[in-house]
Amino acid sequence: MELGQGPAHAGVTRRNTHFALETASDQSHLKTEVLLLQRKYERLAAKERRMQVGSAE
């Protein structure tokens, strides 16, 4: 019975390791995407402020 549990546990470990590598890559991609979206938001917010100032004058 122990022999049957050993390989199954080893398979899970390998999958988790592979998954961890994908997660690190995904994290990097998501961090980049968040940074780009934050910059876009800041540009749009600045543009909106300029438009409000322009229409007030």
C-alpha atoms as a PDB file:
ATOM      1  CA  MET A   1       0.000   0.000   0.000  1.00  0.00           C
ATOM      2  CA  GLU A   2       2.895   2.350   0.758  1.00  0.00           C
ATOM      3  CA  LEU A   3       4.350   1.780  -2.696  1.00  0.00           C
ATOM      4  CA  GLY A   4       1.119   2.938  -4.302  1.00  0.00           C
ATOM      5  CA  GLN A   5       1.084   6.106  -2.244  1.00  0.00           C
ATOM      6  CA  GLY A   6       4.721   6.998  -2.984  1.00  0.00           C
ATOM      7  CA  PRO A   7       4.462   7.466  -6.761  1.00  0.00           C
ATOM      8  CA  ALA A   8       1.138   9.290  -6.464  1.00  0.00           C
ATOM      9  CA  HIS A   9       2.708  11.728  -4.007  1.00  0.00           C
ATOM     10  CA  ALA A  10       5.751  12.150  -6.271  1.00  0.00           C
ATOM     11  CA  GLY A  11       3.432  12.986  -9.206  1.00  0.00           C
ATOM     12  CA  VAL A  12       1.691  15.652  -7.178  1.00  0.00           C
ATOM     13  CA  THR A  13       5.040  17.147  -6.198  1.00  0.00           C
ATOM     14  CA  ARG A  14       6.129  17.357  -9.824  1.00  0.00           C
ATOM     15  CA  ARG A  15       2.867  18.974 -10.846  1.00  0.00           C
ATOM     16  CA  ASN A  16       3.130  21.485  -8.027  1.00  0.00           C
ATOM     17  CA  THR A  17       6.696  22.324  -9.038  1.00  0.00           C
ATOM     18  CA  HIS A  18       5.651  22.826 -12.649  1.00  0.00           C
ATOM     19  CA  PHE A  19       2.670  24.860 -11.507  1.00  0.00           C
ATOM     20  CA  ALA A  20       4.922  27.000  -9.312  1.00  0.00           C
ATOM     21  CA  LEU A  21       7.064  27.853 -12.338  1.00  0.00           C
ATOM     22  CA  GLU A  22       3.981  28.838 -14.334  1.00  0.00           C
ATOM     23  CA  THR A  23       2.744  30.910 -11.419  1.00  0.00           C
ATOM     24  CA  ALA A  24       6.024  32.833 -11.226  1.00  0.00           C
ATOM     25  CA  SER A  25       5.821  33.593 -14.941  1.00  0.00           C
ATOM     26  CA  ASP A  26       2.158  34.551 -14.619  1.00  0.00           C
ATOM     27  CA  GLN A  27       2.968  36.780 -11.639  1.00  0.00           C
ATOM     28  CA  SER A  28       5.607  38.623 -13.632  1.00  0.00           C
ATOM     29  CA  HIS A  29       3.197  39.098 -16.528  1.00  0.00           C
ATOM     30  CA  LEU A  30       0.419  40.307 -14.234  1.00  0.00           C
ATOM     31  CA  LYS A  31       2.720  42.751 -12.428  1.00  0.00           C
ATOM     32  CA  THR A  32       3.735  44.233 -15.781  1.00  0.00           C
ATOM     33  CA  GLU A  33       0.102  44.472 -16.855  1.00  0.00           C
ATOM     34  CA  VAL A  34      -0.904  46.188 -13.596  1.00  0.00           C
ATOM     35  CA  LEU A  35       1.932  48.692 -13.969  1.00  0.00           C
ATOM     36  CA  LEU A  36       0.881  49.504 -17.534  1.00  0.00           C
ATOM     37  CA  LEU A  37      -2.758  49.921 -16.488  1.00  0.00           C
ATOM     38  CA  GLN A  38      -1.752  52.197 -13.602  1.00  0.00           C
ATOM     39  CA  ARG A  39       0.233  54.394 -15.992  1.00  0.00           C
ATOM     40  CA  LYS A  40      -2.682  54.493 -18.420  1.00  0.00           C
ATOM     41  CA  TYR A  41      -5.035  55.471 -15.585  1.00  0.00           C
ATOM     42  CA  GLU A  42      -2.677  58.245 -14.474  1.00  0.00           C
ATOM     43  CA  ARG A  43      -2.468  59.610 -18.037  1.00  0.00           C
ATOM     44  CA  LEU A  44      -6.246  59.548 -18.420  1.00  0.00           C
ATOM     45  CA  ALA A  45      -6.766  61.193 -15.014  1.00  0.00           C
ATOM     46  CA  ALA A  46      -4.294  63.955 -15.964  1.00  0.00           C
ATOM     47  CA  LYS A  47      -6.057  64.404 -19.309  1.00  0.00           C
ATOM     48  CA  GLU A  48      -9.424  64.673 -17.566  1.00  0.00           C
ATOM     49  CA  ARG A  49      -8.028  67.320 -15.173  1.00  0.00           C
ATOM     50  CA  ARG A  50      -6.673  69.307 -18.142  1.00  0.00           C
ATOM     51  CA  MET A  51     -10.061  69.100 -19.857  1.00  0.00           C
ATOM     52  CA  GLN A  52     -11.874  70.289 -16.725  1.00  0.00           C
ATOM     53  CA  VAL A  53      -9.473  73.201 -16.316  1.00  0.00           C
ATOM     54  CA  GLY A  54      -9.863  74.093 -20.005  1.00  0.00           C
ATOM     55  CA  SER A  55     -13.672  74.074 -19.849  1.00  0.00           C
ATOM     56  CA  ALA A  56     -13.717  76.154 -16.661  1.00  0.00           C
ATOM     57  CA  GLU A  57     -11.876  79.021 -18.364  1.00  0.00           C
END
